[in-house]
Amino acid sequence: MRNFFLSFLYGHSIIPYRLGFAFFLVAGLCSCGNLSRSGLNGSSLKIGTNVTPIQEIKPEQKNQATVYIQGKIEKQAPLMKQWAYEINDTTGKIWVVTNQKSLGEGAQVVFKGKVRYRSIPLGGKELGEVYLEEE
């Protein structure tokens, strides 16, 4: 059997066979792993220290700070030409105004946006709310 194999390879370069074997070995190892789809709505997505916990977003950051938030969509509301999504990251909740329409409740998302504050004085009380406007 060994002589047959060696006689088959005789006169042929072994380098293409080794490259082919290496390719299939790497492809096989990669397919065995638990590879998740990449994208901004992956459940295991973490973009590191750039993510701001929602509880740290305060009204005094109004109209200037750009932040990244990550969390799960809990509610959605259609606006005139945009959509609003309530995002929960376990530290708090915030509404995000965006042009994205196809996001569903329960989806894990990451948004980059400017912190905004809408003042709503009512009966001597301030009922305003902080929200994010996606960039």
N, C-alpha and C. Protein backbone atom coordinates (compact mmCIF):
# COMPACT_ATOMS: atom_id res chain seq x y z
N MET A 1 0.83 -1.19 0.00
CA MET A 1 0.00 0.00 0.00
C MET A 1 0.87 1.25 0.00
N ARG A 2 1.91 1.23 0.81
CA ARG A 2 2.79 2.38 0.89
C ARG A 2 3.47 2.65 -0.44
N ASN A 3 3.87 1.63 -1.11
CA ASN A 3 4.53 1.79 -2.41
C ASN A 3 3.58 2.39 -3.43
N PHE A 4 2.29 2.02 -3.37
CA PHE A 4 1.32 2.60 -4.30
C PHE A 4 1.19 4.10 -4.07
N PHE A 5 1.10 4.49 -2.80
CA PHE A 5 0.97 5.91 -2.47
C PHE A 5 2.19 6.68 -2.93
N LEU A 6 3.37 6.16 -2.68
CA LEU A 6 4.59 6.84 -3.10
C LEU A 6 4.72 6.88 -4.61
N SER A 7 4.28 5.84 -5.29
CA SER A 7 4.36 5.85 -6.76
C SER A 7 3.36 6.85 -7.34
N PHE A 8 2.23 7.06 -6.65
CA PHE A 8 1.27 8.07 -7.11
C PHE A 8 1.87 9.47 -7.01
N LEU A 9 2.56 9.73 -5.90
CA LEU A 9 3.14 11.06 -5.69
C LEU A 9 4.42 11.27 -6.48
N TYR A 10 5.02 10.21 -6.98
CA TYR A 10 6.26 10.33 -7.72
C TYR A 10 6.01 11.14 -9.00
N GLY A 11 6.75 12.16 -9.19
CA GLY A 11 6.58 13.02 -10.36
C GLY A 11 5.59 14.15 -10.13
N HIS A 12 4.94 14.18 -8.98
CA HIS A 12 4.01 15.25 -8.64
C HIS A 12 4.58 16.05 -7.47
N SER A 13 4.33 17.33 -7.48
CA SER A 13 4.78 18.17 -6.37
C SER A 13 3.85 17.96 -5.18
N ILE A 14 4.38 17.82 -4.01
CA ILE A 14 3.59 17.59 -2.81
C ILE A 14 3.09 18.90 -2.20
N ILE A 15 3.63 20.03 -2.63
CA ILE A 15 3.26 21.32 -2.05
C ILE A 15 1.78 21.64 -2.24
N PRO A 16 1.18 21.47 -3.44
CA PRO A 16 -0.26 21.75 -3.56
C PRO A 16 -1.11 20.88 -2.64
N TYR A 17 -0.70 19.62 -2.44
CA TYR A 17 -1.46 18.75 -1.55
C TYR A 17 -1.39 19.24 -0.11
N ARG A 18 -0.20 19.69 0.30
CA ARG A 18 -0.05 20.21 1.66
C ARG A 18 -0.85 21.49 1.85
N LEU A 19 -0.84 22.35 0.86
CA LEU A 19 -1.62 23.59 0.97
C LEU A 19 -3.12 23.28 1.03
N GLY A 20 -3.55 22.34 0.19
CA GLY A 20 -4.96 21.95 0.20
C GLY A 20 -5.36 21.34 1.53
N PHE A 21 -4.50 20.46 2.06
CA PHE A 21 -4.77 19.84 3.35
C PHE A 21 -4.84 20.90 4.45
N ALA A 22 -3.90 21.85 4.43
CA ALA A 22 -3.90 22.92 5.44
C ALA A 22 -5.17 23.75 5.35
N PHE A 23 -5.61 24.05 4.13
CA PHE A 23 -6.84 24.84 3.95
C PHE A 23 -8.04 24.11 4.55
N PHE A 24 -8.19 22.83 4.22
CA PHE A 24 -9.33 22.08 4.73
C PHE A 24 -9.25 21.87 6.24
N LEU A 25 -8.05 21.76 6.77
CA LEU A 25 -7.88 21.63 8.20
C LEU A 25 -8.33 22.90 8.92
N VAL A 26 -7.90 24.06 8.43
CA VAL A 26 -8.30 25.33 9.03
C VAL A 26 -9.80 25.56 8.88
N ALA A 27 -10.34 25.28 7.69
CA ALA A 27 -11.78 25.45 7.47
C ALA A 27 -12.57 24.53 8.39
N GLY A 28 -12.10 23.32 8.58
CA GLY A 28 -12.79 22.39 9.47
C GLY A 28 -12.76 22.84 10.91
N LEU A 29 -11.62 23.33 11.36
CA LEU A 29 -11.52 23.81 12.73
C LEU A 29 -12.41 25.02 12.97
N CYS A 30 -12.46 25.90 11.99
CA CYS A 30 -13.32 27.09 12.14
C CYS A 30 -14.79 26.72 12.19
N SER A 31 -15.18 25.72 11.43
CA SER A 31 -16.60 25.34 11.39
C SER A 31 -17.03 24.62 12.66
N CYS A 32 -16.07 24.11 13.42
CA CYS A 32 -16.40 23.42 14.67
C CYS A 32 -16.70 24.38 15.80
N GLY A 33 -16.21 25.60 15.69
CA GLY A 33 -16.40 26.57 16.76
C GLY A 33 -17.81 27.12 16.79
N ASN A 34 -18.12 27.79 17.87
CA ASN A 34 -19.42 28.44 18.01
C ASN A 34 -19.27 29.88 17.52
N LEU A 35 -19.34 30.06 16.21
CA LEU A 35 -19.16 31.38 15.62
C LEU A 35 -20.52 32.04 15.47
N SER A 36 -20.68 33.20 16.04
CA SER A 36 -21.94 33.93 15.91
C SER A 36 -21.84 34.92 14.77
N ARG A 37 -22.98 35.29 14.23
CA ARG A 37 -23.01 36.30 13.18
C ARG A 37 -22.47 37.60 13.72
N SER A 38 -21.64 38.24 12.92
CA SER A 38 -21.14 39.53 13.36
C SER A 38 -22.17 40.60 13.01
N GLY A 39 -22.12 41.69 13.71
CA GLY A 39 -23.05 42.78 13.48
C GLY A 39 -23.34 43.50 14.76
N LEU A 40 -24.02 44.60 14.66
CA LEU A 40 -24.28 45.42 15.83
C LEU A 40 -25.43 44.91 16.68
N ASN A 41 -26.15 43.95 16.19
CA ASN A 41 -27.26 43.48 17.00
C ASN A 41 -27.01 42.09 17.56
N GLY A 42 -25.76 41.63 17.63
CA GLY A 42 -25.43 40.34 18.21
C GLY A 42 -25.58 40.36 19.72
N SER A 43 -26.03 39.24 20.29
CA SER A 43 -26.27 39.23 21.74
C SER A 43 -24.98 39.24 22.54
N SER A 44 -23.87 38.80 21.96
CA SER A 44 -22.62 38.79 22.71
C SER A 44 -21.73 39.96 22.35
N LEU A 45 -22.28 40.91 21.64
CA LEU A 45 -21.47 42.05 21.18
C LEU A 45 -21.09 42.95 22.34
N LYS A 46 -19.82 43.24 22.42
CA LYS A 46 -19.33 44.20 23.40
C LYS A 46 -18.33 45.08 22.67
N ILE A 47 -18.51 46.39 22.79
CA ILE A 47 -17.55 47.25 22.11
C ILE A 47 -16.60 47.90 23.10
N GLY A 48 -16.52 47.33 24.28
CA GLY A 48 -15.47 47.74 25.21
C GLY A 48 -15.83 48.92 26.07
N THR A 49 -14.81 49.68 26.39
CA THR A 49 -14.96 50.77 27.34
C THR A 49 -15.71 51.96 26.76
N ASN A 50 -16.02 51.95 25.48
CA ASN A 50 -16.76 53.06 24.88
C ASN A 50 -18.23 53.05 25.26
N VAL A 51 -18.74 51.96 25.76
CA VAL A 51 -20.16 51.87 26.11
C VAL A 51 -20.41 52.59 27.43
N THR A 52 -21.39 53.49 27.41
CA THR A 52 -21.78 54.23 28.61
C THR A 52 -22.99 53.56 29.24
N PRO A 53 -22.93 53.20 30.51
CA PRO A 53 -24.14 52.68 31.17
C PRO A 53 -25.23 53.76 31.16
N ILE A 54 -26.45 53.36 30.90
CA ILE A 54 -27.55 54.33 30.78
C ILE A 54 -27.73 55.14 32.06
N GLN A 55 -27.52 54.55 33.22
CA GLN A 55 -27.70 55.29 34.47
C GLN A 55 -26.74 56.46 34.60
N GLU A 56 -25.63 56.46 33.86
CA GLU A 56 -24.65 57.55 33.92
C GLU A 56 -24.98 58.71 32.98
N ILE A 57 -25.99 58.57 32.14
CA ILE A 57 -26.36 59.65 31.22
C ILE A 57 -27.28 60.61 31.96
N LYS A 58 -26.84 61.85 32.09
CA LYS A 58 -27.54 62.85 32.89
C LYS A 58 -27.99 64.02 32.02
N PRO A 59 -29.01 64.77 32.47
CA PRO A 59 -29.50 65.92 31.70
C PRO A 59 -28.45 67.00 31.47
N GLU A 60 -27.47 67.14 32.35
CA GLU A 60 -26.48 68.19 32.14
C GLU A 60 -25.55 67.91 30.96
N GLN A 61 -25.63 66.73 30.39
CA GLN A 61 -24.85 66.41 29.20
C GLN A 61 -25.57 66.87 27.93
N LYS A 62 -26.64 67.59 28.09
CA LYS A 62 -27.51 67.93 26.97
C LYS A 62 -26.78 68.58 25.80
N ASN A 63 -27.19 68.17 24.62
CA ASN A 63 -26.79 68.77 23.34
C ASN A 63 -25.29 68.81 23.07
N GLN A 64 -24.50 68.02 23.76
CA GLN A 64 -23.08 68.05 23.46
C GLN A 64 -22.42 66.68 23.49
N ALA A 65 -22.74 65.84 24.44
CA ALA A 65 -22.04 64.56 24.59
C ALA A 65 -22.50 63.55 23.54
N THR A 66 -21.53 62.84 22.97
CA THR A 66 -21.81 61.71 22.10
C THR A 66 -21.43 60.46 22.87
N VAL A 67 -22.36 59.50 22.96
CA VAL A 67 -22.13 58.29 23.73
C VAL A 67 -22.53 57.07 22.92
N TYR A 68 -22.00 55.93 23.34
CA TYR A 68 -22.44 54.62 22.84
C TYR A 68 -23.22 53.97 23.95
N ILE A 69 -24.36 53.38 23.61
CA ILE A 69 -25.10 52.59 24.58
C ILE A 69 -25.36 51.22 23.96
N GLN A 70 -25.52 50.25 24.83
CA GLN A 70 -25.80 48.89 24.38
C GLN A 70 -26.88 48.32 25.27
N GLY A 71 -27.85 47.67 24.67
CA GLY A 71 -28.91 47.08 25.47
C GLY A 71 -29.93 46.37 24.61
N LYS A 72 -31.06 46.09 25.23
CA LYS A 72 -32.14 45.35 24.59
C LYS A 72 -33.33 46.29 24.35
N ILE A 73 -33.93 46.18 23.18
CA ILE A 73 -35.10 46.99 22.85
C ILE A 73 -36.30 46.45 23.62
N GLU A 74 -36.94 47.33 24.40
CA GLU A 74 -38.12 46.93 25.16
C GLU A 74 -39.42 47.45 24.54
N LYS A 75 -39.37 48.66 23.99
CA LYS A 75 -40.56 49.25 23.37
C LYS A 75 -40.13 49.97 22.10
N GLN A 76 -41.10 50.18 21.22
CA GLN A 76 -40.83 50.97 20.01
C GLN A 76 -42.04 51.85 19.72
N ALA A 77 -41.75 52.99 19.09
CA ALA A 77 -42.82 53.93 18.76
C ALA A 77 -42.51 54.60 17.43
N PRO A 78 -43.45 54.56 16.49
CA PRO A 78 -43.21 55.26 15.22
C PRO A 78 -43.39 56.76 15.40
N LEU A 79 -42.52 57.52 14.76
CA LEU A 79 -42.61 58.98 14.74
C LEU A 79 -42.93 59.39 13.30
N MET A 80 -42.92 60.67 12.99
CA MET A 80 -43.26 61.13 11.64
C MET A 80 -42.35 60.51 10.58
N LYS A 81 -41.05 60.70 10.68
CA LYS A 81 -40.11 60.16 9.71
C LYS A 81 -39.05 59.30 10.36
N GLN A 82 -39.19 59.01 11.64
CA GLN A 82 -38.20 58.26 12.39
C GLN A 82 -38.90 57.25 13.30
N TRP A 83 -38.09 56.54 14.06
CA TRP A 83 -38.59 55.60 15.05
C TRP A 83 -37.93 55.91 16.39
N ALA A 84 -38.61 55.59 17.46
CA ALA A 84 -38.05 55.71 18.81
C ALA A 84 -38.08 54.32 19.45
N TYR A 85 -36.98 53.96 20.08
CA TYR A 85 -36.86 52.68 20.75
C TYR A 85 -36.44 52.90 22.20
N GLU A 86 -37.10 52.21 23.12
CA GLU A 86 -36.68 52.27 24.51
C GLU A 86 -35.67 51.14 24.73
N ILE A 87 -34.46 51.53 25.16
CA ILE A 87 -33.36 50.59 25.34
C ILE A 87 -33.12 50.38 26.84
N ASN A 88 -32.95 49.12 27.23
CA ASN A 88 -32.66 48.77 28.62
C ASN A 88 -31.32 48.04 28.65
N ASP A 89 -30.40 48.52 29.51
CA ASP A 89 -29.09 47.86 29.64
C ASP A 89 -28.86 47.32 31.04
N THR A 90 -29.86 47.07 31.80
CA THR A 90 -29.87 46.59 33.19
C THR A 90 -29.48 47.66 34.20
N THR A 91 -28.94 48.81 33.75
CA THR A 91 -28.67 49.91 34.69
C THR A 91 -29.74 50.98 34.58
N GLY A 92 -30.54 50.93 33.53
CA GLY A 92 -31.58 51.93 33.31
C GLY A 92 -32.16 51.81 31.91
N LYS A 93 -33.04 52.75 31.61
CA LYS A 93 -33.72 52.77 30.31
C LYS A 93 -33.59 54.16 29.71
N ILE A 94 -33.52 54.21 28.37
CA ILE A 94 -33.46 55.48 27.66
C ILE A 94 -34.10 55.28 26.29
N TRP A 95 -34.73 56.34 25.79
CA TRP A 95 -35.30 56.32 24.45
C TRP A 95 -34.24 56.77 23.45
N VAL A 96 -34.21 56.12 22.29
CA VAL A 96 -33.30 56.47 21.21
C VAL A 96 -34.14 56.79 19.97
N VAL A 97 -33.89 57.96 19.38
CA VAL A 97 -34.57 58.37 18.15
C VAL A 97 -33.63 58.07 16.99
N THR A 98 -34.14 57.34 15.98
CA THR A 98 -33.31 56.87 14.88
C THR A 98 -34.12 56.78 13.59
N ASN A 99 -33.42 56.62 12.47
CA ASN A 99 -34.06 56.39 11.17
C ASN A 99 -34.26 54.91 10.90
N GLN A 100 -33.73 54.04 11.75
CA GLN A 100 -33.84 52.60 11.55
C GLN A 100 -35.25 52.13 11.87
N LYS A 101 -35.85 51.39 10.93
CA LYS A 101 -37.24 50.96 11.08
C LYS A 101 -37.37 49.48 11.46
N SER A 102 -36.42 48.67 11.09
CA SER A 102 -36.60 47.22 11.15
C SER A 102 -36.12 46.57 12.44
N LEU A 103 -36.02 47.30 13.50
CA LEU A 103 -35.57 46.72 14.77
C LEU A 103 -36.77 46.23 15.56
N GLY A 104 -36.68 45.03 16.08
CA GLY A 104 -37.80 44.45 16.81
C GLY A 104 -37.56 44.42 18.30
N GLU A 105 -38.64 44.31 19.05
CA GLU A 105 -38.53 44.22 20.50
C GLU A 105 -37.76 42.96 20.87
N GLY A 106 -36.88 43.09 21.86
CA GLY A 106 -36.05 41.97 22.29
C GLY A 106 -34.69 41.92 21.62
N ALA A 107 -34.48 42.71 20.57
CA ALA A 107 -33.20 42.70 19.86
C ALA A 107 -32.12 43.38 20.69
N GLN A 108 -30.91 42.83 20.66
CA GLN A 108 -29.76 43.45 21.30
C GLN A 108 -29.15 44.43 20.31
N VAL A 109 -28.92 45.67 20.73
CA VAL A 109 -28.45 46.71 19.84
C VAL A 109 -27.37 47.56 20.48
N VAL A 110 -26.63 48.27 19.63
CA VAL A 110 -25.67 49.28 20.06
C VAL A 110 -25.98 50.53 19.28
N PHE A 111 -26.09 51.66 19.96
CA PHE A 111 -26.35 52.94 19.30
C PHE A 111 -25.26 53.93 19.67
N LYS A 112 -24.94 54.79 18.71
CA LYS A 112 -24.07 55.94 18.95
C LYS A 112 -24.94 57.16 18.72
N GLY A 113 -24.97 58.05 19.69
CA GLY A 113 -25.83 59.21 19.51
C GLY A 113 -25.49 60.35 20.45
N LYS A 114 -26.14 61.46 20.19
CA LYS A 114 -25.97 62.66 21.02
C LYS A 114 -27.04 62.66 22.10
N VAL A 115 -26.61 63.02 23.30
CA VAL A 115 -27.52 63.12 24.43
C VAL A 115 -28.35 64.38 24.27
N ARG A 116 -29.66 64.23 24.38
CA ARG A 116 -30.59 65.36 24.27
C ARG A 116 -31.48 65.38 25.51
N TYR A 117 -32.04 66.54 25.78
CA TYR A 117 -32.96 66.69 26.90
C TYR A 117 -34.13 67.54 26.44
N ARG A 118 -35.34 67.05 26.69
CA ARG A 118 -36.56 67.80 26.35
C ARG A 118 -37.23 68.20 27.65
N SER A 119 -37.28 69.50 27.89
CA SER A 119 -37.91 70.03 29.09
C SER A 119 -39.42 70.03 28.93
N ILE A 120 -40.11 69.52 29.96
CA ILE A 120 -41.58 69.54 29.97
C ILE A 120 -42.03 70.03 31.34
N PRO A 121 -42.13 71.36 31.53
CA PRO A 121 -42.61 71.87 32.82
C PRO A 121 -44.14 71.72 32.88
N LEU A 122 -44.61 71.14 33.97
CA LEU A 122 -46.05 70.91 34.10
C LEU A 122 -46.44 71.07 35.57
N GLY A 123 -47.26 72.07 35.86
CA GLY A 123 -47.73 72.31 37.23
C GLY A 123 -46.60 72.59 38.20
N GLY A 124 -45.60 73.32 37.76
CA GLY A 124 -44.48 73.65 38.64
C GLY A 124 -43.46 72.53 38.80
N LYS A 125 -43.66 71.43 38.10
CA LYS A 125 -42.73 70.31 38.17
C LYS A 125 -42.05 70.12 36.81
N GLU A 126 -40.85 69.62 36.86
CA GLU A 126 -40.12 69.33 35.63
C GLU A 126 -40.28 67.85 35.30
N LEU A 127 -40.97 67.57 34.20
CA LEU A 127 -41.21 66.19 33.78
C LEU A 127 -40.40 65.84 32.52
N GLY A 128 -39.36 66.62 32.26
CA GLY A 128 -38.55 66.39 31.07
C GLY A 128 -37.82 65.07 31.11
N GLU A 129 -37.27 64.70 29.94
CA GLU A 129 -36.61 63.41 29.84
C GLU A 129 -35.37 63.50 28.95
N VAL A 130 -34.38 62.73 29.34
CA VAL A 130 -33.16 62.59 28.55
C VAL A 130 -33.41 61.51 27.50
N TYR A 131 -32.93 61.74 26.28
CA TYR A 131 -33.01 60.73 25.23
C TYR A 131 -31.77 60.84 24.36
N LEU A 132 -31.61 59.89 23.47
CA LEU A 132 -30.46 59.86 22.57
C LEU A 132 -30.94 60.03 21.15
N GLU A 133 -30.23 60.86 20.38
CA GLU A 133 -30.53 61.02 18.96
C GLU A 133 -29.37 60.39 18.20
N GLU A 134 -29.68 59.30 17.47
CA GLU A 134 -28.64 58.55 16.78
C GLU A 134 -27.93 59.42 15.74
N GLU A 135 -26.62 59.27 15.68
CA GLU A 135 -25.80 60.00 14.68
C GLU A 135 -25.66 59.18 13.43
